[in-house]
Amino acid sequence: MVKKVGNAQIVTRLTNKFQLTDLEPEILSMQERIVPVTDADDILKRWRLLRTVNSISATGYSTVIAAPAGQRYYLRGVDVELSTGTYTMTKIAIKSLSGYRVDVLIQAAGTKIIWVPPHPDFYLDYGWQVDVYVDAYTGTGNVNCNVLLRSSDAVNE
């Protein structure tokens, strides 16, 4: 079944990238040719390196990055480091839009924490976020967060 793509920008990008042209209708039959296929969504993903600076003023979970409306973030690496203040970090967690949280990395207390997702297609949908757990807090400060990711337009499934 042929479907119409509602986002003209995506159609234009794919048409230009693959130099697509219209075909004449054919009668359904077995063809003696090989047709290569690709994941069109993967081609449209863009590499990004996001850097955020977040204020820390208490112990507990603090959000360092969240997927914005209309975007899906495919995470490749998260690096959180103490910039100013006096505290340590022990966990990185993923929090869903509905508020559920799961720790994905637990380490000994330190001033730097790095997480590489175990799967290259690990993604955050709108409202999902990466949190860092702050403990041993004694002074307000900032954390720098660097996130390597690929982003694409969100698709409702």
C-alpha atoms as a PDB file:
ATOM      1  CA  MET A   1       0.000   0.000   0.000  1.00  0.00           C
ATOM      2  CA  VAL A   2       1.376   3.406  -0.959  1.00  0.00           C
ATOM      3  CA  LYS A   3       1.356   6.050   1.777  1.00  0.00           C
ATOM      4  CA  LYS A   4       1.576   9.810   1.426  1.00  0.00           C
ATOM      5  CA  VAL A   5       4.263  11.571   3.497  1.00  0.00           C
ATOM      6  CA  GLY A   6       2.799  14.651   5.171  1.00  0.00           C
ATOM      7  CA  ASN A   7       6.083  16.432   5.880  1.00  0.00           C
ATOM      8  CA  ALA A   8       7.203  18.078   2.623  1.00  0.00           C
ATOM      9  CA  GLN A   9      10.676  18.884   4.006  1.00  0.00           C
ATOM     10  CA  ILE A  10      11.444  15.187   4.585  1.00  0.00           C
ATOM     11  CA  VAL A  11      10.222  14.275   1.086  1.00  0.00           C
ATOM     12  CA  THR A  12      12.409  17.000  -0.434  1.00  0.00           C
ATOM     13  CA  ARG A  13      15.487  15.926   1.538  1.00  0.00           C
ATOM     14  CA  LEU A  14      15.086  12.261   0.557  1.00  0.00           C
ATOM     15  CA  THR A  15      14.303  13.093  -3.087  1.00  0.00           C
ATOM     16  CA  ASN A  16      17.434  15.235  -3.354  1.00  0.00           C
ATOM     17  CA  LYS A  17      19.694  12.805  -1.481  1.00  0.00           C
ATOM     18  CA  PHE A  18      18.716   9.772  -3.580  1.00  0.00           C
ATOM     19  CA  GLN A  19      17.815  11.625  -6.811  1.00  0.00           C
ATOM     20  CA  LEU A  20      14.379   9.963  -6.744  1.00  0.00           C
ATOM     21  CA  THR A  21      12.124  10.099  -9.809  1.00  0.00           C
ATOM     22  CA  ASP A  22       8.575   8.910 -10.510  1.00  0.00           C
ATOM     23  CA  LEU A  23       8.018   5.419 -11.952  1.00  0.00           C
ATOM     24  CA  GLU A  24       5.363   4.209 -14.293  1.00  0.00           C
ATOM     25  CA  PRO A  25       2.837   1.822 -12.654  1.00  0.00           C
ATOM     26  CA  GLU A  26       3.748  -1.839 -13.136  1.00  0.00           C
ATOM     27  CA  ILE A  27       1.715  -5.006 -13.077  1.00  0.00           C
ATOM     28  CA  LEU A  28       2.389  -7.024  -9.921  1.00  0.00           C
ATOM     29  CA  SER A  29       4.876  -9.738 -10.806  1.00  0.00           C
ATOM     30  CA  MET A  30       8.229 -11.149  -9.761  1.00  0.00           C
ATOM     31  CA  GLN A  31      10.996  -8.971 -11.096  1.00  0.00           C
ATOM     32  CA  GLU A  32      14.473 -10.083 -12.064  1.00  0.00           C
ATOM     33  CA  ARG A  33      16.207  -7.294 -10.204  1.00  0.00           C
ATOM     34  CA  ILE A  34      17.487  -6.478  -6.772  1.00  0.00           C
ATOM     35  CA  VAL A  35      16.121  -3.373  -5.078  1.00  0.00           C
ATOM     36  CA  PRO A  36      18.377  -1.932  -2.362  1.00  0.00           C
ATOM     37  CA  VAL A  37      16.625  -0.574   0.715  1.00  0.00           C
ATOM     38  CA  THR A  38      17.700   1.719   3.506  1.00  0.00           C
ATOM     39  CA  ASP A  39      16.314   3.097   6.749  1.00  0.00           C
ATOM     40  CA  ALA A  40      15.201   6.533   5.562  1.00  0.00           C
ATOM     41  CA  ASP A  41      14.813   7.791   9.133  1.00  0.00           C
ATOM     42  CA  ASP A  42      18.465   7.000   9.857  1.00  0.00           C
ATOM     43  CA  ILE A  43      19.598   9.165   6.940  1.00  0.00           C
ATOM     44  CA  LEU A  44      17.726  12.167   8.330  1.00  0.00           C
ATOM     45  CA  LYS A  45      19.303  11.993  11.801  1.00  0.00           C
ATOM     46  CA  ARG A  46      21.813  14.735  12.536  1.00  0.00           C
ATOM     47  CA  TRP A  47      24.853  14.413  14.822  1.00  0.00           C
ATOM     48  CA  ARG A  48      24.924  16.964  17.623  1.00  0.00           C
ATOM     49  CA  LEU A  49      27.126  17.692  20.595  1.00  0.00           C
ATOM     50  CA  LEU A  50      25.023  19.457  23.219  1.00  0.00           C
ATOM     51  CA  ARG A  51      26.565  21.218  26.177  1.00  0.00           C
ATOM     52  CA  THR A  52      24.515  22.327  29.151  1.00  0.00           C
ATOM     53  CA  VAL A  53      25.460  24.010  32.402  1.00  0.00           C
ATOM     54  CA  ASN A  54      23.168  23.134  35.292  1.00  0.00           C
ATOM     55  CA  SER A  55      22.990  24.684  38.757  1.00  0.00           C
ATOM     56  CA  ILE A  56      23.251  22.308  41.709  1.00  0.00           C
ATOM     57  CA  SER A  57      21.907  23.505  45.063  1.00  0.00           C
ATOM     58  CA  ALA A  58      20.873  20.308  46.867  1.00  0.00           C
ATOM     59  CA  THR A  59      21.364  16.553  46.974  1.00  0.00           C
ATOM     60  CA  GLY A  60      19.187  14.258  44.872  1.00  0.00           C
ATOM     61  CA  TYR A  61      18.438  13.936  41.167  1.00  0.00           C
ATOM     62  CA  SER A  62      19.042  16.891  38.855  1.00  0.00           C
ATOM     63  CA  THR A  63      18.127  16.990  35.163  1.00  0.00           C
ATOM     64  CA  VAL A  64      21.049  17.615  32.825  1.00  0.00           C
ATOM     65  CA  ILE A  65      19.292  17.183  29.455  1.00  0.00           C
ATOM     66  CA  ALA A  66      15.749  16.558  28.197  1.00  0.00           C
ATOM     67  CA  ALA A  67      14.400  15.819  24.711  1.00  0.00           C
ATOM     68  CA  PRO A  68      12.351  18.803  23.515  1.00  0.00           C
ATOM     69  CA  ALA A  69       8.930  18.635  21.863  1.00  0.00           C
ATOM     70  CA  GLY A  70       9.100  17.366  18.308  1.00  0.00           C
ATOM     71  CA  GLN A  71      12.516  15.722  18.703  1.00  0.00           C
ATOM     72  CA  ARG A  72      13.901  12.271  19.441  1.00  0.00           C
ATOM     73  CA  TYR A  73      17.444  12.045  20.836  1.00  0.00           C
ATOM     74  CA  TYR A  74      19.534   8.930  20.118  1.00  0.00           C
ATOM     75  CA  LEU A  75      22.170   9.016  22.853  1.00  0.00           C
ATOM     76  CA  ARG A  76      25.783   7.956  22.194  1.00  0.00           C
ATOM     77  CA  GLY A  77      27.494   9.356  25.278  1.00  0.00           C
ATOM     78  CA  VAL A  78      26.853  11.474  28.377  1.00  0.00           C
ATOM     79  CA  ASP A  79      29.675  13.223  30.260  1.00  0.00           C
ATOM     80  CA  VAL A  80      28.817  15.161  33.444  1.00  0.00           C
ATOM     81  CA  GLU A  81      31.534  17.016  35.350  1.00  0.00           C
ATOM     82  CA  LEU A  82      31.719  19.275  38.394  1.00  0.00           C
ATOM     83  CA  SER A  83      32.400  22.861  37.358  1.00  0.00           C
ATOM     84  CA  THR A  84      32.027  24.810  40.604  1.00  0.00           C
ATOM     85  CA  GLY A  85      30.799  24.049  44.116  1.00  0.00           C
ATOM     86  CA  THR A  86      31.447  21.198  46.509  1.00  0.00           C
ATOM     87  CA  TYR A  87      29.582  17.919  45.957  1.00  0.00           C
ATOM     88  CA  THR A  88      29.935  14.517  44.316  1.00  0.00           C
ATOM     89  CA  MET A  89      27.849  12.519  41.835  1.00  0.00           C
ATOM     90  CA  THR A  90      27.157   8.779  41.947  1.00  0.00           C
ATOM     91  CA  LYS A  91      24.430   7.944  39.391  1.00  0.00           C
ATOM     92  CA  ILE A  92      23.060   8.691  35.951  1.00  0.00           C
ATOM     93  CA  ALA A  93      19.381   7.904  35.440  1.00  0.00           C
ATOM     94  CA  ILE A  94      16.776   8.053  32.683  1.00  0.00           C
ATOM     95  CA  LYS A  95      13.416   9.559  33.596  1.00  0.00           C
ATOM     96  CA  SER A  96      10.294   9.085  31.476  1.00  0.00           C
ATOM     97  CA  LEU A  97       7.648  11.694  30.698  1.00  0.00           C
ATOM     98  CA  SER A  98       5.352   9.957  33.179  1.00  0.00           C
ATOM     99  CA  GLY A  99       7.918  10.440  35.975  1.00  0.00           C
ATOM    100  CA  TYR A 100       9.353   6.935  36.283  1.00  0.00           C
ATOM    101  CA  ARG A 101      13.117   6.819  36.728  1.00  0.00           C
ATOM    102  CA  VAL A 102      15.704   4.045  36.332  1.00  0.00           C
ATOM    103  CA  ASP A 103      19.394   4.261  37.228  1.00  0.00           C
ATOM    104  CA  VAL A 104      21.543   3.264  34.247  1.00  0.00           C
ATOM    105  CA  LEU A 105      24.942   3.880  35.853  1.00  0.00           C
ATOM    106  CA  ILE A 106      26.047   3.710  39.480  1.00  0.00           C
ATOM    107  CA  GLN A 107      29.639   4.491  40.443  1.00  0.00           C
ATOM    108  CA  ALA A 108      31.768   5.465  43.408  1.00  0.00           C
ATOM    109  CA  ALA A 109      31.353   9.102  44.420  1.00  0.00           C
ATOM    110  CA  GLY A 110      33.289  11.450  42.179  1.00  0.00           C
ATOM    111  CA  THR A 111      33.333  14.805  40.442  1.00  0.00           C
ATOM    112  CA  LYS A 112      32.997  13.343  36.930  1.00  0.00           C
ATOM    113  CA  ILE A 113      30.641  10.682  35.602  1.00  0.00           C
ATOM    114  CA  ILE A 114      30.497   9.208  32.081  1.00  0.00           C
ATOM    115  CA  TRP A 115      27.838   6.930  30.588  1.00  0.00           C
ATOM    116  CA  VAL A 116      27.844   5.277  27.171  1.00  0.00           C
ATOM    117  CA  PRO A 117      24.487   3.643  26.335  1.00  0.00           C
ATOM    118  CA  PRO A 118      24.812  -0.106  25.713  1.00  0.00           C
ATOM    119  CA  HIS A 119      22.877   0.094  22.441  1.00  0.00           C
ATOM    120  CA  PRO A 120      23.430   2.623  19.605  1.00  0.00           C
ATOM    121  CA  ASP A 121      19.676   3.135  19.143  1.00  0.00           C
ATOM    122  CA  PHE A 122      18.996   4.120  22.751  1.00  0.00           C
ATOM    123  CA  TYR A 123      16.735   7.129  22.437  1.00  0.00           C
ATOM    124  CA  LEU A 124      14.829   9.700  24.452  1.00  0.00           C
ATOM    125  CA  ASP A 125      11.396  10.778  23.246  1.00  0.00           C
ATOM    126  CA  TYR A 126       9.842  14.156  24.064  1.00  0.00           C
ATOM    127  CA  GLY A 127       9.897  14.835  27.802  1.00  0.00           C
ATOM    128  CA  TRP A 128      12.309  12.012  28.636  1.00  0.00           C
ATOM    129  CA  GLN A 129      15.429  13.205  30.382  1.00  0.00           C
ATOM    130  CA  VAL A 130      18.876  12.285  31.680  1.00  0.00           C
ATOM    131  CA  ASP A 131      19.366  12.967  35.397  1.00  0.00           C
ATOM    132  CA  VAL A 132      22.487  12.939  37.548  1.00  0.00           C
ATOM    133  CA  TYR A 133      22.352  12.029  41.233  1.00  0.00           C
ATOM    134  CA  VAL A 134      24.170  14.480  43.498  1.00  0.00           C
ATOM    135  CA  ASP A 135      25.266  13.434  46.987  1.00  0.00           C
ATOM    136  CA  ALA A 136      27.687  14.746  49.618  1.00  0.00           C
ATOM    137  CA  TYR A 137      26.546  18.275  48.786  1.00  0.00           C
ATOM    138  CA  THR A 138      28.162  21.079  50.796  1.00  0.00           C
ATOM    139  CA  GLY A 139      28.235  24.030  48.413  1.00  0.00           C
ATOM    140  CA  THR A 140      26.150  25.370  45.523  1.00  0.00           C
ATOM    141  CA  GLY A 141      27.733  25.110  42.095  1.00  0.00           C
ATOM    142  CA  ASN A 142      27.363  24.016  38.499  1.00  0.00           C
ATOM    143  CA  VAL A 143      27.826  20.840  36.489  1.00  0.00           C
ATOM    144  CA  ASN A 144      28.837  20.852  32.843  1.00  0.00           C
ATOM    145  CA  CYS A 145      27.119  18.187  30.764  1.00  0.00           C
ATOM    146  CA  ASN A 146      28.273  17.152  27.288  1.00  0.00           C
ATOM    147  CA  VAL A 147      26.007  14.822  25.315  1.00  0.00           C
ATOM    148  CA  LEU A 148      26.882  13.241  21.975  1.00  0.00           C
ATOM    149  CA  LEU A 149      23.669  12.350  20.152  1.00  0.00           C
ATOM    150  CA  ARG A 150      21.859  12.067  16.881  1.00  0.00           C
ATOM    151  CA  SER A 151      18.557  13.872  16.634  1.00  0.00           C
ATOM    152  CA  SER A 152      15.565  13.437  14.380  1.00  0.00           C
ATOM    153  CA  ASP A 153      12.032  14.669  14.148  1.00  0.00           C
ATOM    154  CA  ALA A 154       9.839  12.717  16.568  1.00  0.00           C
ATOM    155  CA  VAL A 155       7.468  10.203  15.046  1.00  0.00           C
ATOM    156  CA  ASN A 156       4.342   9.177  16.938  1.00  0.00           C
ATOM    157  CA  GLU A 157       4.153   5.404  17.036  1.00  0.00           C
END
